[in-house]
Amino acid sequence: MNKLSSRINKATQKGFTLIELVIVIVIVGILAAVAIPNFSSTTTDAQSAANKAIYGMTKSAWAIAYGIKKSAPTGAEVIAQTADPVCSAITGALNCGTATIVFPATAITTPTSITCSNC
């Protein structure tokens, strides 16, 4: 009778054993140790991608200004075509957060003469 009652008690007990919980905690810890370093560099990657997009936007603005003027535009004419609320025009350059787009002092004959810091 004693064996029968112990079987009934074990059958009605619910939950995890201590060893099962420890194994799960170890697995979660290993996954966290692998995943956290991968997520820490995403901010830097996102900022770099945003700066490259701003640089591309500036080259597109050069193409629009060139199409309107039908000749090489100046830095001010390229800046006028950007219309980005995040960017602010400074003398000879366009400041967009961490990226600074620098224009040559003369007319810009090609978009490759436009330089970007932090891109």
C-alpha atoms as a PDB file:
ATOM      1  CA  MET A   1       0.000   0.000   0.000  1.00  0.00           C
ATOM      2  CA  ASN A   2       2.864   2.330   0.756  1.00  0.00           C
ATOM      3  CA  LYS A   3       4.279   1.953  -2.777  1.00  0.00           C
ATOM      4  CA  LEU A   4       0.868   2.678  -4.267  1.00  0.00           C
ATOM      5  CA  SER A   5       0.437   5.896  -2.292  1.00  0.00           C
ATOM      6  CA  SER A   6       3.924   7.129  -3.240  1.00  0.00           C
ATOM      7  CA  ARG A   7       3.116   6.534  -6.916  1.00  0.00           C
ATOM      8  CA  ILE A   8      -0.097   8.505  -6.589  1.00  0.00           C
ATOM      9  CA  ASN A   9       1.720  11.400  -4.890  1.00  0.00           C
ATOM     10  CA  LYS A  10       4.360  11.502  -7.635  1.00  0.00           C
ATOM     11  CA  ALA A  11       1.702  11.404 -10.324  1.00  0.00           C
ATOM     12  CA  THR A  12      -0.196  14.324  -8.845  1.00  0.00           C
ATOM     13  CA  GLN A  13       2.869  16.481  -8.216  1.00  0.00           C
ATOM     14  CA  LYS A  14       3.422  19.142 -10.871  1.00  0.00           C
ATOM     15  CA  GLY A  15       6.361  21.412 -11.623  1.00  0.00           C
ATOM     16  CA  PHE A  16      10.004  21.249 -12.601  1.00  0.00           C
ATOM     17  CA  THR A  17      12.819  19.643 -10.710  1.00  0.00           C
ATOM     18  CA  LEU A  18      15.748  21.709  -9.532  1.00  0.00           C
ATOM     19  CA  ILE A  19      18.097  20.208 -12.116  1.00  0.00           C
ATOM     20  CA  GLU A  20      15.729  21.106 -14.962  1.00  0.00           C
ATOM     21  CA  LEU A  21      15.578  24.714 -13.777  1.00  0.00           C
ATOM     22  CA  VAL A  22      19.367  24.921 -13.459  1.00  0.00           C
ATOM     23  CA  ILE A  23      19.833  23.561 -16.994  1.00  0.00           C
ATOM     24  CA  VAL A  24      17.412  26.150 -18.397  1.00  0.00           C
ATOM     25  CA  ILE A  25      19.163  28.977 -16.529  1.00  0.00           C
ATOM     26  CA  VAL A  26      22.555  27.853 -17.864  1.00  0.00           C
ATOM     27  CA  ILE A  27      21.238  27.727 -21.443  1.00  0.00           C
ATOM     28  CA  VAL A  28      19.679  31.197 -21.150  1.00  0.00           C
ATOM     29  CA  GLY A  29      22.951  32.525 -19.707  1.00  0.00           C
ATOM     30  CA  ILE A  30      24.956  31.118 -22.617  1.00  0.00           C
ATOM     31  CA  LEU A  31      22.538  32.609 -25.152  1.00  0.00           C
ATOM     32  CA  ALA A  32      22.708  35.998 -23.422  1.00  0.00           C
ATOM     33  CA  ALA A  33      26.515  35.909 -23.388  1.00  0.00           C
ATOM     34  CA  VAL A  34      26.531  35.304 -27.144  1.00  0.00           C
ATOM     35  CA  ALA A  35      23.738  37.730 -28.120  1.00  0.00           C
ATOM     36  CA  ILE A  36      24.539  40.845 -26.051  1.00  0.00           C
ATOM     37  CA  PRO A  37      27.877  41.670 -27.764  1.00  0.00           C
ATOM     38  CA  ASN A  38      26.171  41.405 -31.165  1.00  0.00           C
ATOM     39  CA  PHE A  39      23.517  43.954 -30.196  1.00  0.00           C
ATOM     40  CA  SER A  40      25.967  46.458 -28.725  1.00  0.00           C
ATOM     41  CA  SER A  41      27.428  47.361 -32.132  1.00  0.00           C
ATOM     42  CA  THR A  42      24.066  47.981 -33.792  1.00  0.00           C
ATOM     43  CA  THR A  43      23.984  51.644 -32.692  1.00  0.00           C
ATOM     44  CA  THR A  44      27.311  52.345 -34.382  1.00  0.00           C
ATOM     45  CA  ASP A  45      26.231  50.483 -37.515  1.00  0.00           C
ATOM     46  CA  ALA A  46      22.947  52.413 -37.649  1.00  0.00           C
ATOM     47  CA  GLN A  47      24.733  55.779 -37.277  1.00  0.00           C
ATOM     48  CA  SER A  48      27.168  54.866 -40.046  1.00  0.00           C
ATOM     49  CA  ALA A  49      24.299  53.857 -42.343  1.00  0.00           C
ATOM     50  CA  ALA A  50      22.461  57.115 -41.580  1.00  0.00           C
ATOM     51  CA  ASN A  51      25.583  59.152 -42.410  1.00  0.00           C
ATOM     52  CA  LYS A  52      25.995  57.317 -45.716  1.00  0.00           C
ATOM     53  CA  ALA A  53      22.338  58.004 -46.518  1.00  0.00           C
ATOM     54  CA  ILE A  54      22.857  61.715 -45.830  1.00  0.00           C
ATOM     55  CA  TYR A  55      25.878  61.671 -48.133  1.00  0.00           C
ATOM     56  CA  GLY A  56      23.766  60.021 -50.841  1.00  0.00           C
ATOM     57  CA  MET A  57      21.024  62.596 -50.296  1.00  0.00           C
ATOM     58  CA  THR A  58      23.562  65.364 -50.829  1.00  0.00           C
ATOM     59  CA  LYS A  59      24.719  63.817 -54.105  1.00  0.00           C
ATOM     60  CA  SER A  60      21.076  63.622 -55.227  1.00  0.00           C
ATOM     61  CA  ALA A  61      20.604  67.270 -54.239  1.00  0.00           C
ATOM     62  CA  TRP A  62      23.644  68.095 -56.402  1.00  0.00           C
ATOM     63  CA  ALA A  63      21.955  66.340 -59.360  1.00  0.00           C
ATOM     64  CA  ILE A  64      18.738  68.307 -58.822  1.00  0.00           C
ATOM     65  CA  ALA A  65      20.629  71.605 -58.540  1.00  0.00           C
ATOM     66  CA  TYR A  66      22.626  70.741 -61.679  1.00  0.00           C
ATOM     67  CA  GLY A  67      19.407  69.958 -63.546  1.00  0.00           C
ATOM     68  CA  ILE A  68      17.809  73.238 -62.513  1.00  0.00           C
ATOM     69  CA  LYS A  69      20.829  75.430 -63.225  1.00  0.00           C
ATOM     70  CA  LYS A  70      22.039  73.481 -66.309  1.00  0.00           C
ATOM     71  CA  SER A  71      25.619  74.027 -65.120  1.00  0.00           C
ATOM     72  CA  ALA A  72      27.754  73.258 -62.106  1.00  0.00           C
ATOM     73  CA  PRO A  73      25.946  74.440 -58.936  1.00  0.00           C
ATOM     74  CA  THR A  74      27.549  76.082 -55.927  1.00  0.00           C
ATOM     75  CA  GLY A  75      27.446  74.646 -52.430  1.00  0.00           C
ATOM     76  CA  ALA A  76      24.635  77.022 -51.468  1.00  0.00           C
ATOM     77  CA  GLU A  77      22.530  75.847 -54.419  1.00  0.00           C
ATOM     78  CA  VAL A  78      23.053  72.209 -53.426  1.00  0.00           C
ATOM     79  CA  ILE A  79      22.144  72.997 -49.810  1.00  0.00           C
ATOM     80  CA  ALA A  80      18.961  74.700 -51.023  1.00  0.00           C
ATOM     81  CA  GLN A  81      17.875  71.414 -52.634  1.00  0.00           C
ATOM     82  CA  THR A  82      18.355  69.263 -49.532  1.00  0.00           C
ATOM     83  CA  ALA A  83      15.364  70.499 -47.521  1.00  0.00           C
ATOM     84  CA  ASP A  84      16.210  68.165 -44.633  1.00  0.00           C
ATOM     85  CA  PRO A  85      14.970  69.486 -41.262  1.00  0.00           C
ATOM     86  CA  VAL A  86      17.737  67.598 -39.426  1.00  0.00           C
ATOM     87  CA  CYS A  87      20.510  69.262 -41.424  1.00  0.00           C
ATOM     88  CA  SER A  88      21.651  72.822 -40.900  1.00  0.00           C
ATOM     89  CA  ALA A  89      23.703  74.865 -43.339  1.00  0.00           C
ATOM     90  CA  ILE A  90      26.983  76.278 -42.147  1.00  0.00           C
ATOM     91  CA  THR A  91      29.526  78.190 -44.236  1.00  0.00           C
ATOM     92  CA  GLY A  92      30.615  75.892 -47.055  1.00  0.00           C
ATOM     93  CA  ALA A  93      29.134  72.820 -45.400  1.00  0.00           C
ATOM     94  CA  LEU A  94      26.007  70.993 -44.335  1.00  0.00           C
ATOM     95  CA  ASN A  95      25.862  69.725 -40.760  1.00  0.00           C
ATOM     96  CA  CYS A  96      23.609  66.675 -40.311  1.00  0.00           C
ATOM     97  CA  GLY A  97      24.022  65.276 -36.827  1.00  0.00           C
ATOM     98  CA  THR A  98      27.344  63.449 -36.753  1.00  0.00           C
ATOM     99  CA  ALA A  99      27.948  63.818 -40.499  1.00  0.00           C
ATOM    100  CA  THR A 100      29.352  67.008 -41.982  1.00  0.00           C
ATOM    101  CA  ILE A 101      29.161  67.419 -45.743  1.00  0.00           C
ATOM    102  CA  VAL A 102      31.842  69.801 -47.015  1.00  0.00           C
ATOM    103  CA  PHE A 103      31.527  71.596 -50.356  1.00  0.00           C
ATOM    104  CA  PRO A 104      34.379  73.051 -52.399  1.00  0.00           C
ATOM    105  CA  ALA A 105      34.612  76.841 -52.527  1.00  0.00           C
ATOM    106  CA  THR A 106      34.127  76.898 -56.296  1.00  0.00           C
ATOM    107  CA  ALA A 107      31.288  75.522 -58.365  1.00  0.00           C
ATOM    108  CA  ILE A 108      30.811  71.798 -57.854  1.00  0.00           C
ATOM    109  CA  THR A 109      31.449  70.114 -61.189  1.00  0.00           C
ATOM    110  CA  THR A 110      30.870  66.550 -59.994  1.00  0.00           C
ATOM    111  CA  PRO A 111      29.231  65.103 -56.894  1.00  0.00           C
ATOM    112  CA  THR A 112      32.477  63.262 -56.113  1.00  0.00           C
ATOM    113  CA  SER A 113      34.062  66.590 -55.121  1.00  0.00           C
ATOM    114  CA  ILE A 114      31.642  66.729 -52.188  1.00  0.00           C
ATOM    115  CA  THR A 115      33.300  65.216 -49.111  1.00  0.00           C
ATOM    116  CA  CYS A 116      31.794  63.806 -45.968  1.00  0.00           C
ATOM    117  CA  SER A 117      33.314  63.379 -42.542  1.00  0.00           C
ATOM    118  CA  ASN A 118      32.080  60.384 -40.483  1.00  0.00           C
ATOM    119  CA  CYS A 119      30.562  58.669 -43.525  1.00  0.00           C
END
